[in-house]
């Protein structure tokens, strides 16, 4: 069981809060697609299992890709890996990129899950975030996707924004439920360094997010979605039974995955590697048959810490047998830390 993540590092414009690697210039798009295909070829042996349970196009804005781009990537993938109709193939999409033609292109290659970056159904929020779409685009995009036969849809929502009142947040959740969306990823607005939002908060051009408001809105999210049958299966993720994200869940469960593209990370159980977060240097290195990446060999302690950190983010928690696999001393250490909480009835 393994997965592939493909990073598409292009966006129409920069959202104020985003700290992912991307460029708003499409000048290198063709060269980037070629480099991504070459990296797929050169790293086919990274995963022991060539059968893929998930393929994930992230970014950036993968919905900017045209038909020829996807043709090249999928043809290359099919020559080095295998998958079937049960494989979850996710593509992150911005509402303003979606139309009937684009959706038909996605379906051509078996993309069966859309992750739509709605963020909010209110224009005041979207304008403040510097999103490229408006509330009408968000609504139209969801309706078009569903009418085109996409049932496995997840949308992103952001809470804690200074423009989002609690009443607006409640309406965002109810609007999502009315669309019968089966999965929701919801994130607290966070001020990340080297972003436009960080600069604006630092210069007091915009207020810093209010943690009390964010907590209130997070609790409303949990209460409302669980009441409507959603599993709160990871801190930021809610899905109806049978609709949990396969790709992301495998991250939290320690399943091996290969990351392709600039800034993409890979994990094979014993080491983690990450590609350079620079489009030009990534392309130039791939052309020279050199992979521009760094690798960290994970010690037993690091793997134990990652298992605890990711496991406790999920509703499945951690398992004492799996902890013992790191060594009996790790289970003894873990149990000593939680005894006090158990005694308190937690």
C-alpha atoms as a PDB file:
ATOM      1  CA  UNK A   1       0.000   0.000   0.000  1.00  0.00           C
ATOM      2  CA  UNK A   2       1.495   3.330  -1.062  1.00  0.00           C
ATOM      3  CA  UNK A   3       0.633   6.705  -2.541  1.00  0.00           C
ATOM      4  CA  UNK A   4       2.032   9.465  -4.725  1.00  0.00           C
ATOM      5  CA  UNK A   5       1.773  13.202  -4.115  1.00  0.00           C
ATOM      6  CA  UNK A   6       2.397  15.538  -7.073  1.00  0.00           C
ATOM      7  CA  UNK A   7       3.037  19.200  -6.293  1.00  0.00           C
ATOM      8  CA  UNK A   8       1.903  21.701  -8.931  1.00  0.00           C
ATOM      9  CA  UNK A   9       3.594  24.968  -7.880  1.00  0.00           C
ATOM     10  CA  UNK A  10       1.490  27.551  -9.735  1.00  0.00           C
ATOM     11  CA  UNK A  11      -1.354  29.878  -8.699  1.00  0.00           C
ATOM     12  CA  UNK A  12      -3.204  32.752 -10.361  1.00  0.00           C
ATOM     13  CA  UNK A  13      -2.571  34.971  -7.353  1.00  0.00           C
ATOM     14  CA  UNK A  14      -1.230  34.746  -3.828  1.00  0.00           C
ATOM     15  CA  UNK A  15      -3.625  34.274  -0.915  1.00  0.00           C
ATOM     16  CA  UNK A  16      -2.565  36.443   2.022  1.00  0.00           C
ATOM     17  CA  UNK A  17      -2.269  33.544   4.473  1.00  0.00           C
ATOM     18  CA  UNK A  18      -0.596  30.894   2.286  1.00  0.00           C
ATOM     19  CA  UNK A  19       2.950  29.688   3.002  1.00  0.00           C
ATOM     20  CA  UNK A  20       3.012  26.752   0.563  1.00  0.00           C
ATOM     21  CA  UNK A  21       5.506  26.807  -2.290  1.00  0.00           C
ATOM     22  CA  UNK A  22       4.067  28.330  -5.468  1.00  0.00           C
ATOM     23  CA  UNK A  23       4.636  30.917  -8.195  1.00  0.00           C
ATOM     24  CA  UNK A  24       2.098  33.268  -9.741  1.00  0.00           C
ATOM     25  CA  UNK A  25       4.019  33.151 -13.023  1.00  0.00           C
ATOM     26  CA  UNK A  26       3.166  30.301 -15.420  1.00  0.00           C
ATOM     27  CA  UNK A  27       6.241  30.959 -17.551  1.00  0.00           C
ATOM     28  CA  UNK A  28       7.910  27.689 -16.540  1.00  0.00           C
ATOM     29  CA  UNK A  29       4.789  25.500 -16.598  1.00  0.00           C
ATOM     30  CA  UNK A  30       5.754  23.412 -19.630  1.00  0.00           C
ATOM     31  CA  UNK A  31       9.280  22.847 -18.353  1.00  0.00           C
ATOM     32  CA  UNK A  32       7.857  21.980 -14.932  1.00  0.00           C
ATOM     33  CA  UNK A  33       5.536  19.304 -16.334  1.00  0.00           C
ATOM     34  CA  UNK A  34       8.476  17.747 -18.195  1.00  0.00           C
ATOM     35  CA  UNK A  35      10.603  17.814 -15.043  1.00  0.00           C
ATOM     36  CA  UNK A  36       7.816  16.241 -12.971  1.00  0.00           C
ATOM     37  CA  UNK A  37       7.495  13.418 -15.521  1.00  0.00           C
ATOM     38  CA  UNK A  38      11.266  12.882 -15.473  1.00  0.00           C
ATOM     39  CA  UNK A  39      11.278  12.728 -11.682  1.00  0.00           C
ATOM     40  CA  UNK A  40       8.508  10.109 -11.754  1.00  0.00           C
ATOM     41  CA  UNK A  41      10.668   7.976 -14.091  1.00  0.00           C
ATOM     42  CA  UNK A  42      13.812   8.364 -12.017  1.00  0.00           C
ATOM     43  CA  UNK A  43      12.151   7.536  -8.689  1.00  0.00           C
ATOM     44  CA  UNK A  44       9.970   4.569  -9.575  1.00  0.00           C
ATOM     45  CA  UNK A  45      12.036   2.346  -7.262  1.00  0.00           C
ATOM     46  CA  UNK A  46      11.475   4.536  -4.194  1.00  0.00           C
ATOM     47  CA  UNK A  47       8.233   2.702  -3.387  1.00  0.00           C
ATOM     48  CA  UNK A  48       8.509  -1.052  -2.863  1.00  0.00           C
ATOM     49  CA  UNK A  49       4.822  -1.442  -3.674  1.00  0.00           C
ATOM     50  CA  UNK A  50       4.136  -0.208  -7.209  1.00  0.00           C
ATOM     51  CA  UNK A  51       0.354  -0.501  -6.738  1.00  0.00           C
ATOM     52  CA  UNK A  52      -1.030   2.880  -5.693  1.00  0.00           C
ATOM     53  CA  UNK A  53      -3.925   3.252  -3.282  1.00  0.00           C
ATOM     54  CA  UNK A  54      -3.891   7.017  -3.769  1.00  0.00           C
ATOM     55  CA  UNK A  55      -2.669   9.725  -6.124  1.00  0.00           C
ATOM     56  CA  UNK A  56      -2.920  13.321  -4.939  1.00  0.00           C
ATOM     57  CA  UNK A  57      -2.422  16.492  -6.999  1.00  0.00           C
ATOM     58  CA  UNK A  58      -1.711  19.367  -4.619  1.00  0.00           C
ATOM     59  CA  UNK A  59      -0.166  22.785  -4.812  1.00  0.00           C
ATOM     60  CA  UNK A  60      -0.419  25.504  -5.702  1.00  0.00           C
ATOM     61  CA  UNK A  61      -3.443  25.127  -7.945  1.00  0.00           C
ATOM     62  CA  UNK A  62      -3.472  21.827  -9.891  1.00  0.00           C
ATOM     63  CA  UNK A  63      -6.762  22.922 -11.470  1.00  0.00           C
ATOM     64  CA  UNK A  64      -4.653  25.255 -13.646  1.00  0.00           C
ATOM     65  CA  UNK A  65      -3.364  22.209 -15.556  1.00  0.00           C
ATOM     66  CA  UNK A  66      -4.729  21.733 -19.045  1.00  0.00           C
ATOM     67  CA  UNK A  67      -5.513  18.466 -20.823  1.00  0.00           C
ATOM     68  CA  UNK A  68      -2.062  18.016 -22.345  1.00  0.00           C
ATOM     69  CA  UNK A  69      -0.414  18.524 -18.934  1.00  0.00           C
ATOM     70  CA  UNK A  70      -2.522  15.814 -17.325  1.00  0.00           C
ATOM     71  CA  UNK A  71      -2.020  13.534 -20.346  1.00  0.00           C
ATOM     72  CA  UNK A  72       1.762  13.707 -19.929  1.00  0.00           C
ATOM     73  CA  UNK A  73       1.679  13.106 -16.177  1.00  0.00           C
ATOM     74  CA  UNK A  74      -0.801  10.232 -16.216  1.00  0.00           C
ATOM     75  CA  UNK A  75       0.872   8.502 -19.172  1.00  0.00           C
ATOM     76  CA  UNK A  76       4.196   8.674 -17.315  1.00  0.00           C
ATOM     77  CA  UNK A  77       2.634   7.394 -14.084  1.00  0.00           C
ATOM     78  CA  UNK A  78       0.990   4.472 -15.913  1.00  0.00           C
ATOM     79  CA  UNK A  79       4.362   3.330 -17.279  1.00  0.00           C
ATOM     80  CA  UNK A  80       5.900   3.021 -13.825  1.00  0.00           C
ATOM     81  CA  UNK A  81       3.033   2.368 -11.398  1.00  0.00           C
ATOM     82  CA  UNK A  82      -0.350   0.661 -11.387  1.00  0.00           C
ATOM     83  CA  UNK A  83      -3.742   1.511  -9.932  1.00  0.00           C
ATOM     84  CA  UNK A  84      -7.391   0.652 -10.525  1.00  0.00           C
ATOM     85  CA  UNK A  85     -10.866   2.142 -10.176  1.00  0.00           C
ATOM     86  CA  UNK A  86     -10.678   1.800  -6.382  1.00  0.00           C
ATOM     87  CA  UNK A  87      -7.628   4.051  -6.170  1.00  0.00           C
ATOM     88  CA  UNK A  88      -8.436   7.461  -4.740  1.00  0.00           C
ATOM     89  CA  UNK A  89      -7.247  10.120  -7.208  1.00  0.00           C
ATOM     90  CA  UNK A  90      -7.621  13.602  -5.737  1.00  0.00           C
ATOM     91  CA  UNK A  91      -7.085  16.955  -7.411  1.00  0.00           C
ATOM     92  CA  UNK A  92      -7.135  20.262  -5.545  1.00  0.00           C
ATOM     93  CA  UNK A  93      -9.241  22.782  -7.447  1.00  0.00           C
ATOM     94  CA  UNK A  94      -9.980  26.466  -7.149  1.00  0.00           C
ATOM     95  CA  UNK A  95     -13.620  27.377  -7.858  1.00  0.00           C
ATOM     96  CA  UNK A  96     -12.728  29.899 -10.564  1.00  0.00           C
ATOM     97  CA  UNK A  97     -10.868  27.240 -12.593  1.00  0.00           C
ATOM     98  CA  UNK A  98     -13.785  24.827 -12.824  1.00  0.00           C
ATOM     99  CA  UNK A  99     -16.072  24.531 -15.835  1.00  0.00           C
ATOM    100  CA  UNK A 100     -17.770  21.640 -17.637  1.00  0.00           C
ATOM    101  CA  UNK A 101     -14.860  21.109 -20.024  1.00  0.00           C
ATOM    102  CA  UNK A 102     -12.285  21.013 -17.233  1.00  0.00           C
ATOM    103  CA  UNK A 103     -14.387  18.516 -15.271  1.00  0.00           C
ATOM    104  CA  UNK A 104     -14.624  16.216 -18.299  1.00  0.00           C
ATOM    105  CA  UNK A 105     -10.817  16.321 -18.613  1.00  0.00           C
ATOM    106  CA  UNK A 106     -10.490  15.307 -14.958  1.00  0.00           C
ATOM    107  CA  UNK A 107     -12.849  12.372 -15.446  1.00  0.00           C
ATOM    108  CA  UNK A 108     -10.959  11.243 -18.566  1.00  0.00           C
ATOM    109  CA  UNK A 109      -8.026  10.182 -16.392  1.00  0.00           C
ATOM    110  CA  UNK A 110     -10.081   8.761 -13.561  1.00  0.00           C
ATOM    111  CA  UNK A 111      -9.779  11.651 -11.126  1.00  0.00           C
ATOM    112  CA  UNK A 112     -12.547  10.678  -8.708  1.00  0.00           C
ATOM    113  CA  UNK A 113     -12.153  13.103  -5.824  1.00  0.00           C
ATOM    114  CA  UNK A 114     -12.121  16.909  -5.902  1.00  0.00           C
ATOM    115  CA  UNK A 115     -10.725  19.018  -3.091  1.00  0.00           C
ATOM    116  CA  UNK A 116     -12.270  22.441  -3.675  1.00  0.00           C
ATOM    117  CA  UNK A 117     -10.738  25.486  -1.994  1.00  0.00           C
ATOM    118  CA  UNK A 118     -13.939  27.302  -1.081  1.00  0.00           C
ATOM    119  CA  UNK A 119     -12.650  28.818   2.226  1.00  0.00           C
ATOM    120  CA  UNK A 120     -15.868  30.834   2.667  1.00  0.00           C
ATOM    121  CA  UNK A 121     -19.230  31.496   1.008  1.00  0.00           C
ATOM    122  CA  UNK A 122     -18.958  35.215   1.858  1.00  0.00           C
ATOM    123  CA  UNK A 123     -17.325  37.727  -0.476  1.00  0.00           C
ATOM    124  CA  UNK A 124     -16.044  39.863   2.403  1.00  0.00           C
ATOM    125  CA  UNK A 125     -13.952  36.918   3.613  1.00  0.00           C
ATOM    126  CA  UNK A 126     -12.717  35.958   0.156  1.00  0.00           C
ATOM    127  CA  UNK A 127     -11.721  39.503  -0.718  1.00  0.00           C
ATOM    128  CA  UNK A 128      -9.828  39.862   2.561  1.00  0.00           C
ATOM    129  CA  UNK A 129      -8.008  36.561   1.916  1.00  0.00           C
ATOM    130  CA  UNK A 130      -7.142  37.729  -1.625  1.00  0.00           C
ATOM    131  CA  UNK A 131      -8.802  34.674  -3.154  1.00  0.00           C
ATOM    132  CA  UNK A 132      -9.243  34.630  -6.939  1.00  0.00           C
ATOM    133  CA  UNK A 133     -12.902  33.544  -6.738  1.00  0.00           C
ATOM    134  CA  UNK A 134     -16.074  34.974  -5.221  1.00  0.00           C
ATOM    135  CA  UNK A 135     -18.985  33.365  -3.393  1.00  0.00           C
ATOM    136  CA  UNK A 136     -20.944  32.849  -6.603  1.00  0.00           C
ATOM    137  CA  UNK A 137     -17.987  30.972  -8.133  1.00  0.00           C
ATOM    138  CA  UNK A 138     -17.871  28.696  -5.091  1.00  0.00           C
ATOM    139  CA  UNK A 139     -21.549  27.803  -5.348  1.00  0.00           C
ATOM    140  CA  UNK A 140     -21.428  27.311  -9.121  1.00  0.00           C
ATOM    141  CA  UNK A 141     -18.306  25.148  -8.892  1.00  0.00           C
ATOM    142  CA  UNK A 142     -19.869  22.729  -6.414  1.00  0.00           C
ATOM    143  CA  UNK A 143     -23.082  22.477  -8.413  1.00  0.00           C
ATOM    144  CA  UNK A 144     -21.194  21.905 -11.687  1.00  0.00           C
ATOM    145  CA  UNK A 145     -19.014  19.228 -10.100  1.00  0.00           C
ATOM    146  CA  UNK A 146     -21.991  17.372  -8.682  1.00  0.00           C
ATOM    147  CA  UNK A 147     -23.936  17.666 -11.942  1.00  0.00           C
ATOM    148  CA  UNK A 148     -20.899  16.198 -13.753  1.00  0.00           C
ATOM    149  CA  UNK A 149     -21.024  13.106 -11.568  1.00  0.00           C
ATOM    150  CA  UNK A 150     -18.446  13.931  -8.902  1.00  0.00           C
ATOM    151  CA  UNK A 151     -19.797  12.598  -5.613  1.00  0.00           C
ATOM    152  CA  UNK A 152     -16.553  12.358  -3.653  1.00  0.00           C
ATOM    153  CA  UNK A 153     -16.002  16.045  -2.958  1.00  0.00           C
ATOM    154  CA  UNK A 154     -14.246  17.709  -0.068  1.00  0.00           C
ATOM    155  CA  UNK A 155     -14.160  21.462   0.474  1.00  0.00           C
ATOM    156  CA  UNK A 156     -11.802  23.619   2.518  1.00  0.00           C
ATOM    157  CA  UNK A 157     -13.189  26.165   4.977  1.00  0.00           C
ATOM    158  CA  UNK A 158     -11.249  28.666   7.098  1.00  0.00           C
ATOM    159  CA  UNK A 159     -12.373  29.832  10.533  1.00  0.00           C
ATOM    160  CA  UNK A 160     -10.916  32.479  12.823  1.00  0.00           C
ATOM    161  CA  UNK A 161     -10.653  35.188  10.174  1.00  0.00           C
ATOM    162  CA  UNK A 162     -11.223  38.741  11.499  1.00  0.00           C
ATOM    163  CA  UNK A 163     -13.901  39.189   8.802  1.00  0.00           C
ATOM    164  CA  UNK A 164     -15.822  36.033   9.759  1.00  0.00           C
ATOM    165  CA  UNK A 165     -18.395  36.541  12.485  1.00  0.00           C
ATOM    166  CA  UNK A 166     -19.753  33.551  14.368  1.00  0.00           C
ATOM    167  CA  UNK A 167     -23.075  33.950  12.559  1.00  0.00           C
ATOM    168  CA  UNK A 168     -21.295  33.901   9.195  1.00  0.00           C
ATOM    169  CA  UNK A 169     -19.337  30.825  10.249  1.00  0.00           C
ATOM    170  CA  UNK A 170     -22.515  28.990  11.182  1.00  0.00           C
ATOM    171  CA  UNK A 171     -23.963  29.863   7.763  1.00  0.00           C
ATOM    172  CA  UNK A 172     -20.811  28.569   6.052  1.00  0.00           C
ATOM    173  CA  UNK A 173     -21.254  25.200   7.767  1.00  0.00           C
ATOM    174  CA  UNK A 174     -24.981  25.012   7.010  1.00  0.00           C
ATOM    175  CA  UNK A 175     -24.402  25.951   3.359  1.00  0.00           C
ATOM    176  CA  UNK A 176     -21.909  23.091   3.130  1.00  0.00           C
ATOM    177  CA  UNK A 177     -24.391  20.663   4.685  1.00  0.00           C
ATOM    178  CA  UNK A 178     -27.107  21.800   2.276  1.00  0.00           C
ATOM    179  CA  UNK A 179     -24.821  20.844  -0.623  1.00  0.00           C
ATOM    180  CA  UNK A 180     -24.515  17.359   0.924  1.00  0.00           C
ATOM    181  CA  UNK A 181     -20.732  17.535   0.802  1.00  0.00           C
ATOM    182  CA  UNK A 182     -19.397  14.251   2.313  1.00  0.00           C
ATOM    183  CA  UNK A 183     -16.046  15.579   3.570  1.00  0.00           C
ATOM    184  CA  UNK A 184     -14.823  18.873   5.010  1.00  0.00           C
ATOM    185  CA  UNK A 185     -11.296  20.048   5.798  1.00  0.00           C
ATOM    186  CA  UNK A 186     -11.425  23.099   8.023  1.00  0.00           C
ATOM    187  CA  UNK A 187      -8.433  25.101   9.147  1.00  0.00           C
ATOM    188  CA  UNK A 188      -7.874  27.833  11.685  1.00  0.00           C
ATOM    189  CA  UNK A 189      -6.466  30.986  10.155  1.00  0.00           C
ATOM    190  CA  UNK A 190      -2.801  30.981  11.157  1.00  0.00           C
ATOM    191  CA  UNK A 191      -0.258  33.744  10.722  1.00  0.00           C
ATOM    192  CA  UNK A 192       2.703  32.090   9.015  1.00  0.00           C
ATOM    193  CA  UNK A 193       6.032  33.841   8.585  1.00  0.00           C
ATOM    194  CA  UNK A 194       6.975  35.220   5.152  1.00  0.00           C
ATOM    195  CA  UNK A 195       3.341  35.653   4.124  1.00  0.00           C
ATOM    196  CA  UNK A 196       1.455  38.829   3.268  1.00  0.00           C
ATOM    197  CA  UNK A 197      -0.746  38.240   6.322  1.00  0.00           C
ATOM    198  CA  UNK A 198       2.306  38.079   8.591  1.00  0.00           C
ATOM    199  CA  UNK A 199       3.517  41.415   7.229  1.00  0.00           C
ATOM    200  CA  UNK A 200       0.092  43.036   7.628  1.00  0.00           C
ATOM    201  CA  UNK A 201      -0.292  41.850  11.206  1.00  0.00           C
ATOM    202  CA  UNK A 202       3.263  42.895  12.035  1.00  0.00           C
ATOM    203  CA  UNK A 203       2.664  46.403  10.643  1.00  0.00           C
ATOM    204  CA  UNK A 204      -0.798  46.513  12.266  1.00  0.00           C
ATOM    205  CA  UNK A 205      -2.443  46.945   8.871  1.00  0.00           C
ATOM    206  CA  UNK A 206      -4.806  44.127   9.826  1.00  0.00           C
ATOM    207  CA  UNK A 207      -5.706  42.726  13.260  1.00  0.00           C
ATOM    208  CA  UNK A 208      -4.201  39.469  14.433  1.00  0.00           C
ATOM    209  CA  UNK A 209      -6.631  36.532  14.588  1.00  0.00           C
ATOM    210  CA  UNK A 210      -8.566  36.314  17.853  1.00  0.00           C
ATOM    211  CA  UNK A 211      -7.836  32.942  19.511  1.00  0.00           C
ATOM    212  CA  UNK A 212     -11.047  33.049  21.582  1.00  0.00           C
ATOM    213  CA  UNK A 213     -13.134  33.560  18.438  1.00  0.00           C
ATOM    214  CA  UNK A 214     -11.262  30.766  16.662  1.00  0.00           C
ATOM    215  CA  UNK A 215     -11.896  28.394  19.573  1.00  0.00           C
ATOM    216  CA  UNK A 216     -15.594  29.259  19.611  1.00  0.00           C
ATOM    217  CA  UNK A 217     -15.914  28.681  15.871  1.00  0.00           C
ATOM    218  CA  UNK A 218     -13.947  25.413  16.045  1.00  0.00           C
ATOM    219  CA  UNK A 219     -16.302  24.108  18.740  1.00  0.00           C
ATOM    220  CA  UNK A 220     -19.327  25.117  16.641  1.00  0.00           C
ATOM    221  CA  UNK A 221     -17.806  23.210  13.720  1.00  0.00           C
ATOM    222  CA  UNK A 222     -17.297  20.057  15.795  1.00  0.00           C
ATOM    223  CA  UNK A 223     -20.740  20.158  17.402  1.00  0.00           C
ATOM    224  CA  UNK A 224     -22.602  20.845  14.150  1.00  0.00           C
ATOM    225  CA  UNK A 225     -20.846  18.301  11.958  1.00  0.00           C
ATOM    226  CA  UNK A 226     -20.854  15.470  14.496  1.00  0.00           C
ATOM    227  CA  UNK A 227     -24.571  16.125  15.051  1.00  0.00           C
ATOM    228  CA  UNK A 228     -25.042  15.558  11.301  1.00  0.00           C
ATOM    229  CA  UNK A 229     -23.201  12.233  11.320  1.00  0.00           C
ATOM    230  CA  UNK A 230     -19.673  13.303  10.423  1.00  0.00           C
ATOM    231  CA  UNK A 231     -16.673  11.577  11.983  1.00  0.00           C
ATOM    232  CA  UNK A 232     -14.185  14.049  13.403  1.00  0.00           C
ATOM    233  CA  UNK A 233     -11.384  11.690  12.428  1.00  0.00           C
ATOM    234  CA  UNK A 234      -8.469  14.146  12.434  1.00  0.00           C
ATOM    235  CA  UNK A 235      -8.048  17.584  13.987  1.00  0.00           C
ATOM    236  CA  UNK A 236      -8.909  19.452  10.783  1.00  0.00           C
ATOM    237  CA  UNK A 237     -10.863  16.759   8.923  1.00  0.00           C
ATOM    238  CA  UNK A 238     -14.471  15.603   9.058  1.00  0.00           C
ATOM    239  CA  UNK A 239     -15.996  12.899   6.899  1.00  0.00           C
ATOM    240  CA  UNK A 240     -19.164  10.887   6.714  1.00  0.00           C
ATOM    241  CA  UNK A 241     -18.594   7.166   7.395  1.00  0.00           C
ATOM    242  CA  UNK A 242     -16.760   5.663   4.423  1.00  0.00           C
ATOM    243  CA  UNK A 243     -15.722   9.119   3.168  1.00  0.00           C
ATOM    244  CA  UNK A 244     -12.453   9.626   5.019  1.00  0.00           C
ATOM    245  CA  UNK A 245      -9.574  10.787   2.799  1.00  0.00           C
ATOM    246  CA  UNK A 246      -7.433   7.758   1.933  1.00  0.00           C
ATOM    247  CA  UNK A 247      -4.320   9.708   0.930  1.00  0.00           C
ATOM    248  CA  UNK A 248      -4.165  11.994   3.955  1.00  0.00           C
ATOM    249  CA  UNK A 249      -5.133   9.217   6.356  1.00  0.00           C
ATOM    250  CA  UNK A 250      -2.167   7.222   5.101  1.00  0.00           C
ATOM    251  CA  UNK A 251       0.101  10.129   6.062  1.00  0.00           C
ATOM    252  CA  UNK A 252      -1.163   9.951   9.638  1.00  0.00           C
ATOM    253  CA  UNK A 253      -0.896   6.159   9.726  1.00  0.00           C
ATOM    254  CA  UNK A 254       2.705   6.114   8.518  1.00  0.00           C
ATOM    255  CA  UNK A 255       2.117   4.576   5.074  1.00  0.00           C
ATOM    256  CA  UNK A 256       4.929   5.116   2.534  1.00  0.00           C
ATOM    257  CA  UNK A 257       4.449   7.787  -0.116  1.00  0.00           C
ATOM    258  CA  UNK A 258       6.462   9.392  -2.896  1.00  0.00           C
ATOM    259  CA  UNK A 259       6.432  13.166  -3.306  1.00  0.00           C
ATOM    260  CA  UNK A 260       7.019  14.555  -6.798  1.00  0.00           C
ATOM    261  CA  UNK A 261       7.714  18.185  -7.693  1.00  0.00           C
ATOM    262  CA  UNK A 262       9.403  21.168  -6.003  1.00  0.00           C
ATOM    263  CA  UNK A 263       9.021  21.209  -2.187  1.00  0.00           C
ATOM    264  CA  UNK A 264       7.346  17.765  -2.193  1.00  0.00           C
ATOM    265  CA  UNK A 265       8.133  15.389   0.689  1.00  0.00           C
ATOM    266  CA  UNK A 266       8.562  11.601   0.573  1.00  0.00           C
ATOM    267  CA  UNK A 267       8.508   8.950   3.311  1.00  0.00           C
ATOM    268  CA  UNK A 268       9.407   5.261   3.154  1.00  0.00           C
ATOM    269  CA  UNK A 269       9.156   4.226   6.786  1.00  0.00           C
ATOM    270  CA  UNK A 270      12.791   4.774   7.733  1.00  0.00           C
ATOM    271  CA  UNK A 271      13.696   8.057   6.046  1.00  0.00           C
ATOM    272  CA  UNK A 272      12.118  11.295   4.912  1.00  0.00           C
ATOM    273  CA  UNK A 273      13.247  13.413   1.971  1.00  0.00           C
ATOM    274  CA  UNK A 274      12.126  16.732   0.541  1.00  0.00           C
ATOM    275  CA  UNK A 275      12.752  18.435  -2.786  1.00  0.00           C
ATOM    276  CA  UNK A 276      14.099  21.939  -3.158  1.00  0.00           C
ATOM    277  CA  UNK A 277      11.411  24.641  -2.991  1.00  0.00           C
ATOM    278  CA  UNK A 278      12.604  26.576  -6.037  1.00  0.00           C
ATOM    279  CA  UNK A 279      11.042  26.044  -9.463  1.00  0.00           C
ATOM    280  CA  UNK A 280      14.039  27.017 -11.616  1.00  0.00           C
ATOM    281  CA  UNK A 281      16.583  25.074  -9.557  1.00  0.00           C
ATOM    282  CA  UNK A 282      14.283  22.048  -9.459  1.00  0.00           C
ATOM    283  CA  UNK A 283      13.855  22.047 -13.261  1.00  0.00           C
ATOM    284  CA  UNK A 284      17.567  22.632 -13.950  1.00  0.00           C
ATOM    285  CA  UNK A 285      18.602  19.823 -11.576  1.00  0.00           C
ATOM    286  CA  UNK A 286      16.171  17.329 -13.080  1.00  0.00           C
ATOM    287  CA  UNK A 287      17.502  18.163 -16.557  1.00  0.00           C
ATOM    288  CA  UNK A 288      20.974  17.207 -15.288  1.00  0.00           C
ATOM    289  CA  UNK A 289      19.598  13.910 -13.895  1.00  0.00           C
ATOM    290  CA  UNK A 290      20.170  15.173 -10.368  1.00  0.00           C
ATOM    291  CA  UNK A 291      17.445  15.093  -7.749  1.00  0.00           C
ATOM    292  CA  UNK A 292      17.581  18.365  -5.781  1.00  0.00           C
ATOM    293  CA  UNK A 293      16.555  17.020  -2.380  1.00  0.00           C
ATOM    294  CA  UNK A 294      17.643  16.474   1.206  1.00  0.00           C
ATOM    295  CA  UNK A 295      17.190  13.256   3.175  1.00  0.00           C
ATOM    296  CA  UNK A 296      16.849  12.581   6.892  1.00  0.00           C
ATOM    297  CA  UNK A 297      17.399   9.047   8.157  1.00  0.00           C
ATOM    298  CA  UNK A 298      14.886   8.672  10.974  1.00  0.00           C
ATOM    299  CA  UNK A 299      16.151   7.301  14.266  1.00  0.00           C
ATOM    300  CA  UNK A 300      13.943   4.986  16.326  1.00  0.00           C
ATOM    301  CA  UNK A 301      13.196   7.927  18.642  1.00  0.00           C
ATOM    302  CA  UNK A 302      12.183  10.121  15.697  1.00  0.00           C
ATOM    303  CA  UNK A 303       9.878   7.437  14.319  1.00  0.00           C
ATOM    304  CA  UNK A 304       8.333   6.950  17.776  1.00  0.00           C
ATOM    305  CA  UNK A 305       7.796  10.707  18.157  1.00  0.00           C
ATOM    306  CA  UNK A 306       6.209  10.975  14.706  1.00  0.00           C
ATOM    307  CA  UNK A 307       3.907   8.050  15.450  1.00  0.00           C
ATOM    308  CA  UNK A 308       2.736   9.690  18.689  1.00  0.00           C
ATOM    309  CA  UNK A 309       2.400  13.136  17.087  1.00  0.00           C
ATOM    310  CA  UNK A 310       0.376  11.975  14.080  1.00  0.00           C
ATOM    311  CA  UNK A 311      -1.599   9.309  15.934  1.00  0.00           C
ATOM    312  CA  UNK A 312      -2.880  11.714  18.557  1.00  0.00           C
ATOM    313  CA  UNK A 313      -4.209  13.978  15.792  1.00  0.00           C
ATOM    314  CA  UNK A 314      -6.678  11.264  14.811  1.00  0.00           C
ATOM    315  CA  UNK A 315      -9.701   9.559  16.327  1.00  0.00           C
ATOM    316  CA  UNK A 316      -7.768   6.266  16.262  1.00  0.00           C
ATOM    317  CA  UNK A 317      -5.103   7.523  18.644  1.00  0.00           C
ATOM    318  CA  UNK A 318      -2.057   5.327  19.258  1.00  0.00           C
ATOM    319  CA  UNK A 319      -1.751   1.601  19.913  1.00  0.00           C
ATOM    320  CA  UNK A 320       0.359   0.131  22.719  1.00  0.00           C
ATOM    321  CA  UNK A 321       1.421  -2.830  20.552  1.00  0.00           C
ATOM    322  CA  UNK A 322       2.715  -0.502  17.845  1.00  0.00           C
ATOM    323  CA  UNK A 323       4.536   1.546  20.475  1.00  0.00           C
ATOM    324  CA  UNK A 324       6.160  -1.628  21.802  1.00  0.00           C
ATOM    325  CA  UNK A 325       7.448  -2.360  18.295  1.00  0.00           C
ATOM    326  CA  UNK A 326       9.819   0.583  18.773  1.00  0.00           C
ATOM    327  CA  UNK A 327      11.138  -1.153  21.900  1.00  0.00           C
ATOM    328  CA  UNK A 328       9.757  -2.088  25.314  1.00  0.00           C
ATOM    329  CA  UNK A 329      11.429   0.970  26.824  1.00  0.00           C
ATOM    330  CA  UNK A 330       9.269   3.240  24.619  1.00  0.00           C
ATOM    331  CA  UNK A 331       6.065   1.650  25.877  1.00  0.00           C
ATOM    332  CA  UNK A 332       7.260   1.980  29.480  1.00  0.00           C
ATOM    333  CA  UNK A 333       8.101   5.640  28.863  1.00  0.00           C
ATOM    334  CA  UNK A 334       4.755   6.316  27.178  1.00  0.00           C
ATOM    335  CA  UNK A 335       2.719   4.642  29.936  1.00  0.00           C
ATOM    336  CA  UNK A 336       4.575   6.618  32.593  1.00  0.00           C
ATOM    337  CA  UNK A 337       3.558   9.859  30.890  1.00  0.00           C
ATOM    338  CA  UNK A 338      -0.147   9.075  30.595  1.00  0.00           C
ATOM    339  CA  UNK A 339      -0.772   7.486  34.024  1.00  0.00           C
ATOM    340  CA  UNK A 340      -1.522  10.826  35.628  1.00  0.00           C
ATOM    341  CA  UNK A 341      -4.116  11.631  32.944  1.00  0.00           C
ATOM    342  CA  UNK A 342      -5.691   8.181  33.228  1.00  0.00           C
ATOM    343  CA  UNK A 343      -5.978   8.615  36.990  1.00  0.00           C
ATOM    344  CA  UNK A 344      -7.888  11.867  36.328  1.00  0.00           C
ATOM    345  CA  UNK A 345     -10.368   9.862  34.251  1.00  0.00           C
ATOM    346  CA  UNK A 346      -9.255  11.029  30.831  1.00  0.00           C
END
